[in-house]
Each structure stands twice: as C-alpha cells, then as structure tokens.
Amino acid sequence: AEILGIGKWELIELYDSLGFPYLNQTPE
C-alpha cells in the first residue's frame, strides 16, 4: 500500500473487489 501511495485497508478492499480475499482460510 505504501508503494502504491494508498492506505493498507484501501489496498485490502481493492484486492477483495478483485477476488483476492485478505483472509484465505476455509471455514473449517
């Protein structure tokens, strides 16, 4: 995020909108 000049949570939300979740664990 720092490299991109945005906030960490903004980047996490961007990745999430692109289909890359922050948490990638299964419910199990």
PDB file of all heavy atoms in Angstrom:
ATOM      1  N   ALA A   1       0.830  -1.203   0.000  1.00  0.00           N
ATOM      2  CA  ALA A   1       0.000   0.000   0.000  1.00  0.00           C
ATOM      3  C   ALA A   1       0.865   1.255   0.000  1.00  0.00           C
ATOM      4  O   ALA A   1       0.566   2.224  -0.703  1.00  0.00           O
ATOM      5  CB  ALA A   1      -0.935  -0.015   1.218  1.00  0.00           C
ATOM      6  N   GLU A   2       1.915   1.217   0.780  1.00  0.00           N
ATOM      7  CA  GLU A   2       2.842   2.353   0.835  1.00  0.00           C
ATOM      8  C   GLU A   2       3.451   2.616  -0.546  1.00  0.00           C
ATOM      9  O   GLU A   2       3.536   3.766  -0.992  1.00  0.00           O
ATOM     10  CB  GLU A   2       3.943   2.049   1.856  1.00  0.00           C
ATOM     11  CG  GLU A   2       4.880   3.179   2.130  1.00  0.00           C
ATOM     12  CD  GLU A   2       5.910   2.769   3.179  1.00  0.00           C
ATOM     13  OE1 GLU A   2       5.507   2.486   4.326  1.00  0.00           O
ATOM     14  OE2 GLU A   2       7.101   2.728   2.839  1.00  0.00           O
ATOM     15  N   ILE A   3       3.860   1.572  -1.223  1.00  0.00           N
ATOM     16  CA  ILE A   3       4.425   1.702  -2.571  1.00  0.00           C
ATOM     17  C   ILE A   3       3.400   2.327  -3.519  1.00  0.00           C
ATOM     18  O   ILE A   3       3.742   3.171  -4.350  1.00  0.00           O
ATOM     19  CB  ILE A   3       4.895   0.327  -3.106  1.00  0.00           C
ATOM     20  CG1 ILE A   3       6.110  -0.147  -2.308  1.00  0.00           C
ATOM     21  CG2 ILE A   3       5.208   0.393  -4.594  1.00  0.00           C
ATOM     22  CD1 ILE A   3       6.476  -1.611  -2.538  1.00  0.00           C
ATOM     23  N   LEU A   4       2.137   1.929  -3.356  1.00  0.00           N
ATOM     24  CA  LEU A   4       1.073   2.432  -4.229  1.00  0.00           C
ATOM     25  C   LEU A   4       0.562   3.812  -3.811  1.00  0.00           C
ATOM     26  O   LEU A   4      -0.188   4.439  -4.556  1.00  0.00           O
ATOM     27  CB  LEU A   4      -0.096   1.440  -4.245  1.00  0.00           C
ATOM     28  CG  LEU A   4       0.206   0.078  -4.861  1.00  0.00           C
ATOM     29  CD1 LEU A   4      -0.924  -0.885  -4.587  1.00  0.00           C
ATOM     30  CD2 LEU A   4       0.470   0.215  -6.350  1.00  0.00           C
ATOM     31  N   GLY A   5       0.943   4.252  -2.615  1.00  0.00           N
ATOM     32  CA  GLY A   5       0.501   5.557  -2.138  1.00  0.00           C
ATOM     33  C   GLY A   5      -0.930   5.572  -1.635  1.00  0.00           C
ATOM     34  O   GLY A   5      -1.616   6.593  -1.710  1.00  0.00           O
ATOM     35  N   ILE A   6      -1.384   4.412  -1.119  1.00  0.00           N
ATOM     36  CA  ILE A   6      -2.736   4.319  -0.556  1.00  0.00           C
ATOM     37  C   ILE A   6      -2.645   3.687   0.830  1.00  0.00           C
ATOM     38  O   ILE A   6      -1.580   3.216   1.246  1.00  0.00           O
ATOM     39  CB  ILE A   6      -3.679   3.493  -1.460  1.00  0.00           C
ATOM     40  CG1 ILE A   6      -3.173   2.053  -1.639  1.00  0.00           C
ATOM     41  CG2 ILE A   6      -3.859   4.174  -2.808  1.00  0.00           C
ATOM     42  CD1 ILE A   6      -4.114   1.151  -2.428  1.00  0.00           C
ATOM     43  N   GLY A   7      -3.761   3.659   1.534  1.00  0.00           N
ATOM     44  CA  GLY A   7      -3.809   3.033   2.848  1.00  0.00           C
ATOM     45  C   GLY A   7      -3.903   1.520   2.743  1.00  0.00           C
ATOM     46  O   GLY A   7      -4.371   0.972   1.734  1.00  0.00           O
ATOM     47  N   LYS A   8      -3.456   0.847   3.796  1.00  0.00           N
ATOM     48  CA  LYS A   8      -3.467  -0.617   3.826  1.00  0.00           C
ATOM     49  C   LYS A   8      -4.880  -1.161   3.600  1.00  0.00           C
ATOM     50  O   LYS A   8      -5.087  -2.070   2.811  1.00  0.00           O
ATOM     51  CB  LYS A   8      -2.912  -1.112   5.157  1.00  0.00           C
ATOM     52  CG  LYS A   8      -2.975  -2.611   5.343  1.00  0.00           C
ATOM     53  CD  LYS A   8      -2.455  -3.031   6.694  1.00  0.00           C
ATOM     54  CE  LYS A   8      -2.647  -4.512   6.917  1.00  0.00           C
ATOM     55  NZ  LYS A   8      -2.173  -4.924   8.248  1.00  0.00           N
ATOM     56  N   TRP A   9      -5.874  -0.611   4.311  1.00  0.00           N
ATOM     57  CA  TRP A   9      -7.232  -1.130   4.191  1.00  0.00           C
ATOM     58  C   TRP A   9      -7.824  -0.839   2.824  1.00  0.00           C
ATOM     59  O   TRP A   9      -8.622  -1.616   2.308  1.00  0.00           O
ATOM     60  CB  TRP A   9      -8.117  -0.611   5.326  1.00  0.00           C
ATOM     61  CG  TRP A   9      -7.678  -1.226   6.611  1.00  0.00           C
ATOM     62  CD1 TRP A   9      -7.054  -0.604   7.641  1.00  0.00           C
ATOM     63  CD2 TRP A   9      -7.768  -2.609   6.977  1.00  0.00           C
ATOM     64  NE1 TRP A   9      -6.748  -1.514   8.632  1.00  0.00           N
ATOM     65  CE2 TRP A   9      -7.176  -2.749   8.252  1.00  0.00           C
ATOM     66  CE3 TRP A   9      -8.277  -3.739   6.359  1.00  0.00           C
ATOM     67  CZ2 TRP A   9      -7.096  -3.971   8.907  1.00  0.00           C
ATOM     68  CZ3 TRP A   9      -8.194  -4.950   7.022  1.00  0.00           C
ATOM     69  CH2 TRP A   9      -7.611  -5.052   8.274  1.00  0.00           C
ATOM     70  N   GLU A  10      -7.406   0.258   2.210  1.00  0.00           N
ATOM     71  CA  GLU A  10      -7.850   0.541   0.839  1.00  0.00           C
ATOM     72  C   GLU A  10      -7.324  -0.534  -0.116  1.00  0.00           C
ATOM     73  O   GLU A  10      -8.041  -1.014  -1.002  1.00  0.00           O
ATOM     74  CB  GLU A  10      -7.370   1.926   0.411  1.00  0.00           C
ATOM     75  CG  GLU A  10      -7.903   2.387  -0.919  1.00  0.00           C
ATOM     76  CD  GLU A  10      -7.452   3.792  -1.293  1.00  0.00           C
ATOM     77  OE1 GLU A  10      -6.875   4.507  -0.439  1.00  0.00           O
ATOM     78  OE2 GLU A  10      -7.672   4.163  -2.458  1.00  0.00           O
ATOM     79  N   LEU A  11      -6.070  -0.936   0.082  1.00  0.00           N
ATOM     80  CA  LEU A  11      -5.489  -1.991  -0.744  1.00  0.00           C
ATOM     81  C   LEU A  11      -6.188  -3.323  -0.492  1.00  0.00           C
ATOM     82  O   LEU A  11      -6.501  -4.062  -1.432  1.00  0.00           O
ATOM     83  CB  LEU A  11      -3.987  -2.128  -0.483  1.00  0.00           C
ATOM     84  CG  LEU A  11      -3.292  -3.237  -1.265  1.00  0.00           C
ATOM     85  CD1 LEU A  11      -3.368  -2.970  -2.768  1.00  0.00           C
ATOM     86  CD2 LEU A  11      -1.856  -3.387  -0.813  1.00  0.00           C
ATOM     87  N   ILE A  12      -6.443  -3.636   0.758  1.00  0.00           N
ATOM     88  CA  ILE A  12      -7.138  -4.884   1.092  1.00  0.00           C
ATOM     89  C   ILE A  12      -8.512  -4.908   0.434  1.00  0.00           C
ATOM     90  O   ILE A  12      -8.925  -5.929  -0.127  1.00  0.00           O
ATOM     91  CB  ILE A  12      -7.225  -5.059   2.622  1.00  0.00           C
ATOM     92  CG1 ILE A  12      -5.824  -5.353   3.178  1.00  0.00           C
ATOM     93  CG2 ILE A  12      -8.223  -6.147   3.001  1.00  0.00           C
ATOM     94  CD1 ILE A  12      -5.724  -5.291   4.688  1.00  0.00           C
ATOM     95  N   GLU A  13      -9.223  -3.785   0.479  1.00  0.00           N
ATOM     96  CA  GLU A  13     -10.534  -3.708  -0.164  1.00  0.00           C
ATOM     97  C   GLU A  13     -10.414  -3.840  -1.686  1.00  0.00           C
ATOM     98  O   GLU A  13     -11.245  -4.470  -2.331  1.00  0.00           O
ATOM     99  CB  GLU A  13     -11.234  -2.409   0.210  1.00  0.00           C
ATOM    100  CG  GLU A  13     -11.697  -2.379   1.645  1.00  0.00           C
ATOM    101  CD  GLU A  13     -12.270  -1.038   2.071  1.00  0.00           C
ATOM    102  OE1 GLU A  13     -12.257  -0.080   1.262  1.00  0.00           O
ATOM    103  OE2 GLU A  13     -12.739  -0.949   3.213  1.00  0.00           O
ATOM    104  N   LEU A  14      -9.374  -3.254  -2.265  1.00  0.00           N
ATOM    105  CA  LEU A  14      -9.143  -3.368  -3.700  1.00  0.00           C
ATOM    106  C   LEU A  14      -8.908  -4.826  -4.081  1.00  0.00           C
ATOM    107  O   LEU A  14      -9.535  -5.344  -5.015  1.00  0.00           O
ATOM    108  CB  LEU A  14      -7.958  -2.509  -4.133  1.00  0.00           C
ATOM    109  CG  LEU A  14      -7.517  -2.649  -5.596  1.00  0.00           C
ATOM    110  CD1 LEU A  14      -8.626  -2.204  -6.542  1.00  0.00           C
ATOM    111  CD2 LEU A  14      -6.256  -1.850  -5.836  1.00  0.00           C
ATOM    112  N   TYR A  15      -8.021  -5.497  -3.359  1.00  0.00           N
ATOM    113  CA  TYR A  15      -7.768  -6.912  -3.643  1.00  0.00           C
ATOM    114  C   TYR A  15      -9.042  -7.732  -3.471  1.00  0.00           C
ATOM    115  O   TYR A  15      -9.324  -8.624  -4.261  1.00  0.00           O
ATOM    116  CB  TYR A  15      -6.659  -7.467  -2.754  1.00  0.00           C
ATOM    117  CG  TYR A  15      -5.263  -7.072  -3.182  1.00  0.00           C
ATOM    118  CD1 TYR A  15      -4.262  -6.891  -2.234  1.00  0.00           C
ATOM    119  CD2 TYR A  15      -4.914  -6.901  -4.514  1.00  0.00           C
ATOM    120  CE1 TYR A  15      -2.969  -6.546  -2.610  1.00  0.00           C
ATOM    121  CE2 TYR A  15      -3.633  -6.557  -4.896  1.00  0.00           C
ATOM    122  CZ  TYR A  15      -2.657  -6.378  -3.940  1.00  0.00           C
ATOM    123  OH  TYR A  15      -1.389  -6.039  -4.320  1.00  0.00           O
ATOM    124  N   ASP A  16      -9.818  -7.434  -2.442  1.00  0.00           N
ATOM    125  CA  ASP A  16     -11.062  -8.159  -2.211  1.00  0.00           C
ATOM    126  C   ASP A  16     -12.018  -7.971  -3.384  1.00  0.00           C
ATOM    127  O   ASP A  16     -12.640  -8.928  -3.844  1.00  0.00           O
ATOM    128  CB  ASP A  16     -11.709  -7.697  -0.909  1.00  0.00           C
ATOM    129  CG  ASP A  16     -12.919  -8.528  -0.547  1.00  0.00           C
ATOM    130  OD1 ASP A  16     -12.786  -9.766  -0.434  1.00  0.00           O
ATOM    131  OD2 ASP A  16     -14.009  -7.940  -0.372  1.00  0.00           O
ATOM    132  N   SER A  17     -12.118  -6.746  -3.895  1.00  0.00           N
ATOM    133  CA  SER A  17     -13.009  -6.489  -5.035  1.00  0.00           C
ATOM    134  C   SER A  17     -12.542  -7.209  -6.293  1.00  0.00           C
ATOM    135  O   SER A  17     -13.337  -7.469  -7.195  1.00  0.00           O
ATOM    136  CB  SER A  17     -13.122  -4.988  -5.300  1.00  0.00           C
ATOM    137  OG  SER A  17     -11.931  -4.470  -5.881  1.00  0.00           O
ATOM    138  N   LEU A  18     -11.252  -7.545  -6.340  1.00  0.00           N
ATOM    139  CA  LEU A  18     -10.700  -8.272  -7.482  1.00  0.00           C
ATOM    140  C   LEU A  18     -10.719  -9.786  -7.267  1.00  0.00           C
ATOM    141  O   LEU A  18     -10.235 -10.549  -8.100  1.00  0.00           O
ATOM    142  CB  LEU A  18      -9.262  -7.811  -7.750  1.00  0.00           C
ATOM    143  CG  LEU A  18      -9.116  -6.349  -8.180  1.00  0.00           C
ATOM    144  CD1 LEU A  18      -7.645  -5.937  -8.186  1.00  0.00           C
ATOM    145  CD2 LEU A  18      -9.755  -6.114  -9.532  1.00  0.00           C
ATOM    146  N   GLY A  19     -11.252 -10.212  -6.127  1.00  0.00           N
ATOM    147  CA  GLY A  19     -11.379 -11.640  -5.853  1.00  0.00           C
ATOM    148  C   GLY A  19     -10.236 -12.251  -5.067  1.00  0.00           C
ATOM    149  O   GLY A  19     -10.088 -13.470  -5.040  1.00  0.00           O
ATOM    150  N   PHE A  20      -9.428 -11.411  -4.427  1.00  0.00           N
ATOM    151  CA  PHE A  20      -8.313 -11.901  -3.612  1.00  0.00           C
ATOM    152  C   PHE A  20      -8.571 -11.530  -2.154  1.00  0.00           C
ATOM    153  O   PHE A  20      -8.201 -10.442  -1.711  1.00  0.00           O
ATOM    154  CB  PHE A  20      -6.983 -11.293  -4.078  1.00  0.00           C
ATOM    155  CG  PHE A  20      -6.662 -11.578  -5.513  1.00  0.00           C
ATOM    156  CD1 PHE A  20      -6.816 -10.606  -6.476  1.00  0.00           C
ATOM    157  CD2 PHE A  20      -6.215 -12.828  -5.897  1.00  0.00           C
ATOM    158  CE1 PHE A  20      -6.527 -10.861  -7.805  1.00  0.00           C
ATOM    159  CE2 PHE A  20      -5.919 -13.102  -7.227  1.00  0.00           C
ATOM    160  CZ  PHE A  20      -6.081 -12.111  -8.186  1.00  0.00           C
ATOM    161  N   PRO A  21      -9.205 -12.410  -1.389  1.00  0.00           N
ATOM    162  CA  PRO A  21      -9.561 -12.072  -0.009  1.00  0.00           C
ATOM    163  C   PRO A  21      -8.333 -11.929   0.890  1.00  0.00           C
ATOM    164  O   PRO A  21      -7.300 -12.553   0.670  1.00  0.00           O
ATOM    165  CB  PRO A  21     -10.434 -13.236   0.434  1.00  0.00           C
ATOM    166  CG  PRO A  21      -9.980 -14.380  -0.414  1.00  0.00           C
ATOM    167  CD  PRO A  21      -9.568 -13.772  -1.732  1.00  0.00           C
ATOM    168  N   TYR A  22      -8.473 -11.076   1.896  1.00  0.00           N
ATOM    169  CA  TYR A  22      -7.406 -10.862   2.869  1.00  0.00           C
ATOM    170  C   TYR A  22      -7.194 -12.127   3.691  1.00  0.00           C
ATOM    171  O   TYR A  22      -6.074 -12.550   3.921  1.00  0.00           O
ATOM    172  CB  TYR A  22      -7.765  -9.672   3.762  1.00  0.00           C
ATOM    173  CG  TYR A  22      -6.711  -9.303   4.768  1.00  0.00           C
ATOM    174  CD1 TYR A  22      -5.479  -8.804   4.357  1.00  0.00           C
ATOM    175  CD2 TYR A  22      -6.947  -9.413   6.130  1.00  0.00           C
ATOM    176  CE1 TYR A  22      -4.508  -8.438   5.272  1.00  0.00           C
ATOM    177  CE2 TYR A  22      -5.988  -9.043   7.048  1.00  0.00           C
ATOM    178  CZ  TYR A  22      -4.772  -8.556   6.621  1.00  0.00           C
ATOM    179  OH  TYR A  22      -3.814  -8.201   7.540  1.00  0.00           O
ATOM    180  N   LEU A  23      -8.282 -12.696   4.167  1.00  0.00           N
ATOM    181  CA  LEU A  23      -8.223 -13.967   4.891  1.00  0.00           C
ATOM    182  C   LEU A  23      -8.509 -15.076   3.904  1.00  0.00           C
ATOM    183  O   LEU A  23      -9.554 -15.093   3.262  1.00  0.00           O
ATOM    184  CB  LEU A  23      -9.256 -14.007   6.017  1.00  0.00           C
ATOM    185  CG  LEU A  23      -9.060 -12.982   7.131  1.00  0.00           C
ATOM    186  CD1 LEU A  23     -10.210 -13.063   8.122  1.00  0.00           C
ATOM    187  CD2 LEU A  23      -7.740 -13.208   7.835  1.00  0.00           C
ATOM    188  N   ASN A  24      -7.590 -15.987   3.767  1.00  0.00           N
ATOM    189  CA  ASN A  24      -7.787 -17.041   2.782  1.00  0.00           C
ATOM    190  C   ASN A  24      -7.934 -18.415   3.412  1.00  0.00           C
ATOM    191  O   ASN A  24      -7.640 -19.415   2.801  1.00  0.00           O
ATOM    192  CB  ASN A  24      -6.662 -17.041   1.746  1.00  0.00           C
ATOM    193  CG  ASN A  24      -5.296 -17.213   2.370  1.00  0.00           C
ATOM    194  OD1 ASN A  24      -5.177 -17.371   3.568  1.00  0.00           O
ATOM    195  ND2 ASN A  24      -4.268 -17.165   1.561  1.00  0.00           N
ATOM    196  N   GLN A  25      -8.408 -18.427   4.657  1.00  0.00           N
ATOM    197  CA  GLN A  25      -8.634 -19.705   5.310  1.00  0.00           C
ATOM    198  C   GLN A  25     -10.045 -20.193   5.016  1.00  0.00           C
ATOM    199  O   GLN A  25     -10.970 -19.404   4.851  1.00  0.00           O
ATOM    200  CB  GLN A  25      -8.479 -19.557   6.828  1.00  0.00           C
ATOM    201  CG  GLN A  25      -7.065 -19.301   7.268  1.00  0.00           C
ATOM    202  CD  GLN A  25      -6.975 -19.156   8.764  1.00  0.00           C
ATOM    203  OE1 GLN A  25      -7.677 -18.350   9.348  1.00  0.00           O
ATOM    204  NE2 GLN A  25      -6.118 -19.939   9.378  1.00  0.00           N
ATOM    205  N   THR A  26     -10.186 -21.492   4.992  1.00  0.00           N
ATOM    206  CA  THR A  26     -11.512 -22.074   4.812  1.00  0.00           C
ATOM    207  C   THR A  26     -12.247 -21.991   6.153  1.00  0.00           C
ATOM    208  O   THR A  26     -11.623 -21.861   7.215  1.00  0.00           O
ATOM    209  CB  THR A  26     -11.415 -23.547   4.386  1.00  0.00           C
ATOM    210  OG1 THR A  26     -10.839 -24.300   5.462  1.00  0.00           O
ATOM    211  CG2 THR A  26     -10.611 -23.711   3.112  1.00  0.00           C
ATOM    212  N   PRO A  27     -13.563 -22.089   6.123  1.00  0.00           N
ATOM    213  CA  PRO A  27     -14.314 -22.104   7.386  1.00  0.00           C
ATOM    214  C   PRO A  27     -13.861 -23.232   8.312  1.00  0.00           C
ATOM    215  O   PRO A  27     -13.817 -23.069   9.533  1.00  0.00           O
ATOM    216  CB  PRO A  27     -15.763 -22.294   6.934  1.00  0.00           C
ATOM    217  CG  PRO A  27     -15.806 -21.709   5.571  1.00  0.00           C
ATOM    218  CD  PRO A  27     -14.453 -22.027   4.975  1.00  0.00           C
ATOM    219  N   GLU A  28     -13.489 -24.374   7.733  1.00  0.00           N
ATOM    220  CA  GLU A  28     -13.026 -25.497   8.540  1.00  0.00           C
ATOM    221  C   GLU A  28     -11.717 -25.163   9.254  1.00  0.00           C
ATOM    222  O   GLU A  28     -11.520 -25.508  10.415  1.00  0.00           O
ATOM    223  CB  GLU A  28     -12.848 -26.745   7.672  1.00  0.00           C
ATOM    224  CG  GLU A  28     -14.131 -27.316   7.123  1.00  0.00           C
ATOM    225  CD  GLU A  28     -14.654 -26.568   5.890  1.00  0.00           C
ATOM    226  OE1 GLU A  28     -13.873 -25.865   5.220  1.00  0.00           O
ATOM    227  OE2 GLU A  28     -15.863 -26.684   5.618  1.00  0.00           O
TER     228      GLU A  28
END
